[in-house]
C-alpha atoms as a PDB file:
ATOM      1  CA  MET A   1      -0.091   0.064   0.076  1.00  0.00           C
ATOM      2  CA  THR A   2       2.912   2.473   0.527  1.00  0.00           C
ATOM      3  CA  ARG A   3       3.727   2.290  -3.160  1.00  0.00           C
ATOM      4  CA  TYR A   4       0.158   3.747  -3.803  1.00  0.00           C
ATOM      5  CA  LEU A   5       0.461   6.548  -1.170  1.00  0.00           C
ATOM      6  CA  ALA A   6       4.242   7.553  -2.638  1.00  0.00           C
ATOM      7  CA  ALA A   7       2.234   8.677  -5.674  1.00  0.00           C
ATOM      8  CA  LEU A   8       0.402  11.169  -3.393  1.00  0.00           C
ATOM      9  CA  LEU A   9       3.557  12.909  -2.795  1.00  0.00           C
ATOM     10  CA  ALA A  10       4.551  13.202  -6.298  1.00  0.00           C
ATOM     11  CA  CYS A  11       1.369  14.598  -7.093  1.00  0.00           C
ATOM     12  CA  LEU A  12       1.716  17.259  -4.465  1.00  0.00           C
ATOM     13  CA  VAL A  13       4.852  18.665  -6.249  1.00  0.00           C
ATOM     14  CA  VAL A  14       2.633  20.116  -8.742  1.00  0.00           C
ATOM     15  CA  LEU A  15       1.841  22.990  -6.227  1.00  0.00           C
ATOM     16  CA  GLY A  16       5.536  23.975  -6.204  1.00  0.00           C
ATOM     17  CA  GLY A  17       5.716  24.261 -10.106  1.00  0.00           C
ATOM     18  CA  THR A  18       2.346  26.025 -10.608  1.00  0.00           C
ATOM     19  CA  ALA A  19       3.163  28.512  -7.696  1.00  0.00           C
ATOM     20  CA  GLU A  20       6.293  29.317  -9.445  1.00  0.00           C
ATOM     21  CA  ALA A  21       4.529  29.600 -13.016  1.00  0.00           C
ATOM     22  CA  LYS A  22       1.993  32.008 -11.366  1.00  0.00           C
ATOM     23  CA  ARG A  23       4.706  34.518 -10.349  1.00  0.00           C
ATOM     24  CA  LYS A  24       6.399  34.296 -13.655  1.00  0.00           C
ATOM     25  CA  LYS A  25       3.166  34.565 -15.692  1.00  0.00           C
ATOM     26  CA  GLN A  26      -0.050  35.478 -13.829  1.00  0.00           C
ATOM     27  CA  ASP A  27      -2.500  34.537 -16.434  1.00  0.00           C
ATOM     28  CA  SER A  28      -0.881  31.234 -17.177  1.00  0.00           C
ATOM     29  CA  GLY A  29      -3.338  29.631 -14.806  1.00  0.00           C
ATOM     30  CA  GLY A  30      -3.007  28.151 -11.249  1.00  0.00           C
ATOM     31  CA  GLY A  31      -2.829  25.109  -9.492  1.00  0.00           C
ATOM     32  CA  PHE A  32      -3.817  23.374  -5.851  1.00  0.00           C
ATOM     33  CA  GLY A  33      -2.953  20.314  -3.740  1.00  0.00           C
ATOM     34  CA  TRP A  34      -5.810  18.664  -1.759  1.00  0.00           C
ATOM     35  CA  PHE A  35      -6.252  15.950   0.890  1.00  0.00           C
ATOM     36  CA  GLY A  36      -8.775  14.269   3.000  1.00  0.00           C
ATOM     37  CA  PRO A  37     -10.734  11.232   3.694  1.00  0.00           C
ATOM     38  CA  ALA A  38     -12.738   9.100   0.867  1.00  0.00           C
ATOM     39  CA  LEU A  39     -15.389   6.298   1.124  1.00  0.00           C
ATOM     40  CA  SER A  40     -15.437   3.609  -1.193  1.00  0.00           C
ATOM     41  CA  PHE A  41     -18.518   1.111  -1.893  1.00  0.00           C
ATOM     42  CA  VAL A  42     -16.975  -2.312  -2.340  1.00  0.00           C
ATOM     43  CA  ASP A  43     -18.939  -5.457  -3.023  1.00  0.00           C
ATOM     44  CA  TYR A  44     -17.014  -7.955  -0.678  1.00  0.00           C
ATOM     45  CA  GLY A  45     -19.840 -10.736  -1.058  1.00  0.00           C
ATOM     46  CA  ALA A  46     -17.715 -13.571  -2.698  1.00  0.00           C
ATOM     47  CA  MET A  47     -14.530 -12.840  -0.239  1.00  0.00           C
ATOM     48  CA  ASN A  48     -16.844 -12.653   2.703  1.00  0.00           C
ATOM     49  CA  ALA A  49     -18.153 -15.971   2.074  1.00  0.00           C
ATOM     50  CA  GLU A  50     -14.496 -17.370   1.939  1.00  0.00           C
ATOM     51  CA  LEU A  51     -13.714 -15.569   5.444  1.00  0.00           C
ATOM     52  CA  ASP A  52     -17.137 -16.893   6.627  1.00  0.00           C
ATOM     53  CA  ALA A  53     -15.850 -20.409   5.823  1.00  0.00           C
ATOM     54  CA  VAL A  54     -13.050 -20.385   8.313  1.00  0.00           C
ATOM     55  CA  GLY A  55     -14.784 -18.294  11.117  1.00  0.00           C
ATOM     56  CA  VAL A  56     -13.559 -14.850  10.299  1.00  0.00           C
ATOM     57  CA  ASP A  57     -15.779 -11.871  10.731  1.00  0.00           C
ATOM     58  CA  GLY A  58     -16.905 -10.283   7.391  1.00  0.00           C
ATOM     59  CA  LEU A  59     -15.530  -7.130   5.656  1.00  0.00           C
ATOM     60  CA  ASN A  60     -17.645  -3.983   5.602  1.00  0.00           C
ATOM     61  CA  PRO A  61     -18.584  -2.872   2.057  1.00  0.00           C
ATOM     62  CA  LEU A  62     -17.950   0.663   3.162  1.00  0.00           C
ATOM     63  CA  HIS A  63     -14.403   0.860   3.011  1.00  0.00           C
ATOM     64  CA  TRP A  64     -12.738   4.274   4.389  1.00  0.00           C
ATOM     65  CA  GLN A  65      -9.452   5.373   2.715  1.00  0.00           C
ATOM     66  CA  PHE A  66      -7.311   8.660   2.851  1.00  0.00           C
ATOM     67  CA  GLY A  67      -5.369  10.225  -0.047  1.00  0.00           C
ATOM     68  CA  GLY A  68      -4.506  13.390  -1.641  1.00  0.00           C
ATOM     69  CA  GLY A  69      -3.021  14.915  -4.802  1.00  0.00           C
ATOM     70  CA  GLY A  70      -2.356  17.937  -6.949  1.00  0.00           C
ATOM     71  CA  HIS A  71      -3.659  19.661 -10.085  1.00  0.00           C
ATOM     72  CA  ALA A  72      -2.254  22.333 -12.425  1.00  0.00           C
ATOM     73  CA  TYR A  73      -4.586  24.533 -14.662  1.00  0.00           C
ATOM     74  CA  ILE A  74      -3.600  25.779 -18.035  1.00  0.00           C
ATOM     75  CA  ASP A  75      -6.502  27.837 -18.921  1.00  0.00           C
ATOM     76  CA  ARG A  76      -9.353  25.295 -18.596  1.00  0.00           C
ATOM     77  CA  VAL A  77      -7.258  22.143 -19.060  1.00  0.00           C
ATOM     78  CA  VAL A  78      -6.333  20.517 -15.792  1.00  0.00           C
ATOM     79  CA  ILE A  79      -3.471  18.052 -15.292  1.00  0.00           C
ATOM     80  CA  GLY A  80      -2.537  16.353 -12.181  1.00  0.00           C
ATOM     81  CA  GLY A  81      -2.550  13.253 -10.007  1.00  0.00           C
ATOM     82  CA  ALA A  82      -3.788  11.170  -7.099  1.00  0.00           C
ATOM     83  CA  GLY A  83      -2.944   8.386  -4.442  1.00  0.00           C
ATOM     84  CA  TRP A  84      -5.226   7.031  -2.073  1.00  0.00           C
ATOM     85  CA  GLY A  85      -5.255   4.000   0.493  1.00  0.00           C
ATOM     86  CA  GLY A  86      -7.005   2.390   3.482  1.00  0.00           C
ATOM     87  CA  THR A  87      -7.063  -0.828   5.409  1.00  0.00           C
ATOM     88  CA  GLN A  88      -9.822  -2.880   6.973  1.00  0.00           C
ATOM     89  CA  THR A  89      -9.121  -5.650   9.530  1.00  0.00           C
ATOM     90  CA  VAL A  90     -11.398  -8.582  10.609  1.00  0.00           C
ATOM     91  CA  SER A  91     -10.531 -11.534  12.705  1.00  0.00           C
ATOM     92  CA  SER A  92     -11.515 -14.819  14.126  1.00  0.00           C
ATOM     93  CA  ASP A  93     -10.288 -16.609  17.523  1.00  0.00           C
ATOM     94  CA  SER A  94      -7.038 -17.809  15.735  1.00  0.00           C
ATOM     95  CA  GLN A  95      -6.467 -15.395  12.665  1.00  0.00           C
ATOM     96  CA  VAL A  96      -6.206 -11.427  11.828  1.00  0.00           C
ATOM     97  CA  VAL A  97      -7.239 -10.863   7.953  1.00  0.00           C
ATOM     98  CA  ARG A  98      -6.297  -7.293   6.876  1.00  0.00           C
ATOM     99  CA  VAL A  99      -7.382  -5.941   3.631  1.00  0.00           C
ATOM    100  CA  ASP A 100      -5.763  -2.836   1.787  1.00  0.00           C
ATOM    101  CA  LEU A 101      -7.415  -1.064  -0.886  1.00  0.00           C
ATOM    102  CA  GLY A 102      -5.551   1.671  -2.784  1.00  0.00           C
ATOM    103  CA  GLY A 103      -4.345   3.000  -5.991  1.00  0.00           C
ATOM    104  CA  GLY A 104      -2.559   6.029  -7.631  1.00  0.00           C
ATOM    105  CA  GLN A 105      -2.985   7.780 -11.024  1.00  0.00           C
ATOM    106  CA  PHE A 106      -2.498  10.470 -13.425  1.00  0.00           C
ATOM    107  CA  GLU A 107      -5.628  12.655 -14.032  1.00  0.00           C
ATOM    108  CA  VAL A 108      -6.675  15.004 -16.862  1.00  0.00           C
ATOM    109  CA  GLY A 109      -9.768  16.932 -17.204  1.00  0.00           C
ATOM    110  CA  TYR A 110     -11.497  20.060 -18.452  1.00  0.00           C
ATOM    111  CA  SER A 111     -13.366  22.632 -16.409  1.00  0.00           C
ATOM    112  CA  PRO A 112     -16.537  24.056 -18.194  1.00  0.00           C
ATOM    113  CA  LEU A 113     -17.650  25.984 -15.231  1.00  0.00           C
ATOM    114  CA  ILE A 114     -15.151  28.443 -13.562  1.00  0.00           C
ATOM    115  CA  LEU A 115     -16.633  30.930 -11.226  1.00  0.00           C
ATOM    116  CA  LYS A 116     -14.826  32.928  -8.383  1.00  0.00           C
ATOM    117  CA  HIS A 117     -16.019  30.261  -5.703  1.00  0.00           C
ATOM    118  CA  LEU A 118     -16.868  27.208  -7.837  1.00  0.00           C
ATOM    119  CA  ILE A 119     -14.866  25.178 -10.412  1.00  0.00           C
ATOM    120  CA  VAL A 120     -16.422  22.029 -11.968  1.00  0.00           C
ATOM    121  CA  THR A 121     -14.118  19.637 -13.799  1.00  0.00           C
ATOM    122  CA  PRO A 122     -14.821  16.279 -15.384  1.00  0.00           C
ATOM    123  CA  MET A 123     -11.916  14.283 -15.098  1.00  0.00           C
ATOM    124  CA  LEU A 124     -10.329  10.961 -16.225  1.00  0.00           C
ATOM    125  CA  GLY A 125      -7.704   9.046 -13.887  1.00  0.00           C
ATOM    126  CA  ILE A 126      -5.350   6.313 -15.443  1.00  0.00           C
ATOM    127  CA  GLY A 127      -3.124   4.480 -13.127  1.00  0.00           C
ATOM    128  CA  GLY A 128      -3.003   1.280 -11.030  1.00  0.00           C
ATOM    129  CA  GLY A 129      -4.860  -0.093  -8.241  1.00  0.00           C
ATOM    130  CA  GLY A 130      -6.046  -3.098  -6.426  1.00  0.00           C
ATOM    131  CA  TYR A 131      -6.278  -5.009  -2.989  1.00  0.00           C
ATOM    132  CA  THR A 132      -3.687  -6.747  -0.718  1.00  0.00           C
ATOM    133  CA  VAL A 133      -4.672  -9.387   1.659  1.00  0.00           C
ATOM    134  CA  THR A 134      -2.522 -10.217   4.809  1.00  0.00           C
ATOM    135  CA  VAL A 135      -3.281 -13.183   7.017  1.00  0.00           C
ATOM    136  CA  GLU A 136      -1.516 -13.412  10.540  1.00  0.00           C
ATOM    137  CA  ASN A 137      -1.905 -15.943  13.347  1.00  0.00           C
ATOM    138  CA  ARG A 138      -3.241 -14.557  16.580  1.00  0.00           C
ATOM    139  CA  ASN A 139      -1.006 -16.773  18.568  1.00  0.00           C
ATOM    140  CA  VAL A 140       1.266 -13.755  19.529  1.00  0.00           C
ATOM    141  CA  PRO A 141       4.529 -14.877  21.662  1.00  0.00           C
ATOM    142  CA  ASN A 142       4.787 -13.430  25.256  1.00  0.00           C
ATOM    143  CA  THR A 143       8.554 -13.260  25.456  1.00  0.00           C
ATOM    144  CA  PHE A 144      11.297 -12.737  23.195  1.00  0.00           C
ATOM    145  CA  ARG A 145      12.582 -16.073  23.503  1.00  0.00           C
ATOM    146  CA  GLU A 146       9.112 -17.303  22.202  1.00  0.00           C
ATOM    147  CA  PHE A 147       9.176 -14.772  19.397  1.00  0.00           C
ATOM    148  CA  LEU A 148      12.521 -16.426  18.449  1.00  0.00           C
ATOM    149  CA  GLU A 149      11.420 -19.921  18.736  1.00  0.00           C
ATOM    150  CA  ASN A 150       7.974 -19.287  17.015  1.00  0.00           C
ATOM    151  CA  PRO A 151       7.541 -15.726  15.377  1.00  0.00           C
ATOM    152  CA  GLY A 152       3.999 -16.453  13.927  1.00  0.00           C
ATOM    153  CA  PRO A 153       3.388 -16.753  10.091  1.00  0.00           C
ATOM    154  CA  SER A 154       2.037 -14.172   8.100  1.00  0.00           C
ATOM    155  CA  SER A 155       1.222 -14.184   4.460  1.00  0.00           C
ATOM    156  CA  SER A 156       0.166 -11.924   1.954  1.00  0.00           C
ATOM    157  CA  ILE A 157      -1.585 -11.938  -1.673  1.00  0.00           C
ATOM    158  CA  GLU A 158      -2.311  -9.101  -3.778  1.00  0.00           C
ATOM    159  CA  PHE A 159      -4.560  -8.139  -6.658  1.00  0.00           C
ATOM    160  CA  THR A 160      -3.325  -5.186  -8.637  1.00  0.00           C
ATOM    161  CA  GLY A 161      -3.833  -4.030 -12.489  1.00  0.00           C
ATOM    162  CA  PHE A 162      -4.476  -1.262 -14.815  1.00  0.00           C
ATOM    163  CA  GLN A 163      -7.266   1.132 -13.565  1.00  0.00           C
ATOM    164  CA  LEU A 164      -9.706   3.774 -15.205  1.00  0.00           C
ATOM    165  CA  THR A 165     -11.442   6.436 -13.072  1.00  0.00           C
ATOM    166  CA  PRO A 166     -13.896   8.513 -14.594  1.00  0.00           C
ATOM    167  CA  LEU A 167     -14.645  11.160 -11.930  1.00  0.00           C
ATOM    168  CA  LEU A 168     -15.949  14.557 -11.329  1.00  0.00           C
ATOM    169  CA  GLN A 169     -14.296  17.289  -9.241  1.00  0.00           C
ATOM    170  CA  VAL A 170     -16.002  20.263  -7.757  1.00  0.00           C
ATOM    171  CA  THR A 171     -13.749  22.810  -5.924  1.00  0.00           C
ATOM    172  CA  ILE A 172     -14.996  25.834  -3.745  1.00  0.00           C
ATOM    173  CA  PRO A 173     -11.947  28.115  -3.245  1.00  0.00           C
ATOM    174  CA  VAL A 174     -11.912  30.545  -0.493  1.00  0.00           C
ATOM    175  CA  SER A 175      -8.671  32.761  -0.681  1.00  0.00           C
ATOM    176  CA  PHE A 176      -5.862  30.563  -0.787  1.00  0.00           C
ATOM    177  CA  VAL A 177      -7.717  27.432   0.802  1.00  0.00           C
ATOM    178  CA  GLY A 178     -10.998  25.823  -0.316  1.00  0.00           C
ATOM    179  CA  ILE A 179     -12.793  22.406  -0.586  1.00  0.00           C
ATOM    180  CA  THR A 180     -12.605  19.803  -3.080  1.00  0.00           C
ATOM    181  CA  LEU A 181     -15.414  17.238  -3.425  1.00  0.00           C
ATOM    182  CA  ARG A 182     -14.542  14.310  -5.603  1.00  0.00           C
ATOM    183  CA  GLY A 183     -16.931  11.387  -6.853  1.00  0.00           C
ATOM    184  CA  GLY A 184     -16.488   8.676  -9.560  1.00  0.00           C
ATOM    185  CA  TYR A 185     -16.104   5.000 -10.194  1.00  0.00           C
ATOM    186  CA  SER A 186     -12.713   2.975 -10.178  1.00  0.00           C
ATOM    187  CA  LEU A 187     -12.506  -0.055 -12.722  1.00  0.00           C
ATOM    188  CA  VAL A 188      -9.845  -2.574 -13.023  1.00  0.00           C
ATOM    189  CA  PRO A 189     -11.003  -3.529 -16.764  1.00  0.00           C
ATOM    190  CA  GLU A 190      -8.608  -6.726 -17.114  1.00  0.00           C
ATOM    191  CA  ASN A 191      -8.764  -9.693 -14.888  1.00  0.00           C
ATOM    192  CA  PRO A 192      -5.443  -9.925 -12.895  1.00  0.00           C
ATOM    193  CA  ALA A 193      -4.499 -12.853 -10.769  1.00  0.00           C
ATOM    194  CA  TRP A 194      -3.886 -13.040  -7.093  1.00  0.00           C
ATOM    195  CA  LYS A 195       0.073 -12.912  -6.445  1.00  0.00           C
ATOM    196  CA  PHE A 196       2.484 -13.516  -3.814  1.00  0.00           C
ATOM    197  CA  PRO A 197       4.559 -10.541  -3.108  1.00  0.00           C
ATOM    198  CA  ASN A 198       7.874 -12.575  -3.583  1.00  0.00           C
ATOM    199  CA  GLY A 199       6.598 -14.153  -6.590  1.00  0.00           C
ATOM    200  CA  GLY A 200       4.129 -16.757  -8.276  1.00  0.00           C
ATOM    201  CA  ASN A 201       0.460 -16.879  -8.551  1.00  0.00           C
ATOM    202  CA  LEU A 202      -2.506 -18.285  -6.203  1.00  0.00           C
ATOM    203  CA  ALA A 203      -4.060 -20.890  -8.332  1.00  0.00           C
ATOM    204  CA  ARG A 204      -7.558 -20.091  -7.015  1.00  0.00           C
ATOM    205  CA  GLY A 205      -8.039 -16.610  -5.352  1.00  0.00           C
ATOM    206  CA  PRO A 206     -11.375 -15.159  -3.907  1.00  0.00           C
ATOM    207  CA  GLU A 207     -13.791 -13.138  -6.434  1.00  0.00           C
ATOM    208  CA  VAL A 208     -13.299  -9.342  -5.556  1.00  0.00           C
ATOM    209  CA  ALA A 209     -15.299  -6.316  -7.210  1.00  0.00           C
ATOM    210  CA  ARG A 210     -12.873  -5.074 -10.205  1.00  0.00           C
ATOM    211  CA  GLY A 211     -14.962  -1.684  -9.977  1.00  0.00           C
ATOM    212  CA  TYR A 212     -16.290   0.238  -7.263  1.00  0.00           C
ATOM    213  CA  PRO A 213     -17.863   3.914  -6.757  1.00  0.00           C
ATOM    214  CA  PHE A 214     -16.375   6.354  -4.319  1.00  0.00           C
ATOM    215  CA  ALA A 215     -16.667   9.850  -2.820  1.00  0.00           C
ATOM    216  CA  SER A 216     -14.379  11.969  -1.130  1.00  0.00           C
ATOM    217  CA  LEU A 217     -14.346  15.439   0.751  1.00  0.00           C
ATOM    218  CA  ASN A 218     -10.810  17.215   0.974  1.00  0.00           C
ATOM    219  CA  VAL A 219      -9.113  20.192   1.841  1.00  0.00           C
ATOM    220  CA  ALA A 220      -7.684  22.228  -0.942  1.00  0.00           C
ATOM    221  CA  PHE A 221      -4.848  24.887  -0.781  1.00  0.00           C
ATOM    222  CA  GLY A 222      -2.770  26.555  -3.273  1.00  0.00           C
ATOM    223  CA  GLY A 223      -3.095  29.305  -6.048  1.00  0.00           C
ATOM    224  CA  PHE A 224      -6.472  29.701  -7.704  1.00  0.00           C
ATOM    225  CA  ASP A 225      -5.722  32.433 -10.452  1.00  0.00           C
ATOM    226  CA  ILE A 226      -8.040  30.461 -12.972  1.00  0.00           C
ATOM    227  CA  THR A 227     -10.677  31.567 -11.058  1.00  0.00           C
ATOM    228  CA  ARG A 228      -9.703  35.256 -11.566  1.00  0.00           C
ATOM    229  CA  ARG A 229      -9.753  34.876 -15.242  1.00  0.00           C
ATOM    230  CA  GLY A 230     -12.915  33.190 -15.019  1.00  0.00           C
ATOM    231  CA  SER A 231     -14.620  35.870 -13.044  1.00  0.00           C
ATOM    232  CA  LYS A 232     -13.198  38.218 -15.758  1.00  0.00           C
ATOM    233  CA  LYS A 233     -14.482  36.455 -18.601  1.00  0.00           C
ATOM    234  CA  LYS A 234     -17.871  36.587 -16.947  1.00  0.00           C
ATOM    235  CA  ASP A 235     -17.911  40.316 -16.385  1.00  0.00           C
END
């Protein structure tokens, strides 16, 4: 999951570049970064059936995540990227199962509506995303000697692939900060296999949703010069 969230840091670099461009040429556009919680609606029905068969609690279809990104505005064209990730943990008397869901993507869009306090931007994200499932033994050792003799097994499998994300982004600027609302659908169109981190495929893995809708509420910050140009055109 850290590889997905690393994309977040790369996206925020957009802010520095756009801020410098703004100082050099005021009419060249603007840019801002954003971060905040997201809620994805995931169909875990097939995976929950497998978990129930071994006595593990079911996963909640409402999967919370946290993410962020950055966008540069060149006239009405928007270019940037985003990264996100979130963990959900369920257990039984003998096992703990952790499911990580996340992704990272390049994003491009166009803003048909630009007002002083409202920017509406349909966008398309292209990147990668997926699931990682980690199973751990609950028999935790009590002493360091027990830990050395029996550290407790832990295994992971992961499901990752190419991802497309059509989404709508609505930004409400207020001075150098604002609010960004995002909603869309993340889709993995291909059918990748479950894999072990160290190599090899799982012959028969659990069925998972290769697409899910999401919504997020974020704090935005940066330069919003594009809204000034939009308001001038309106006048």
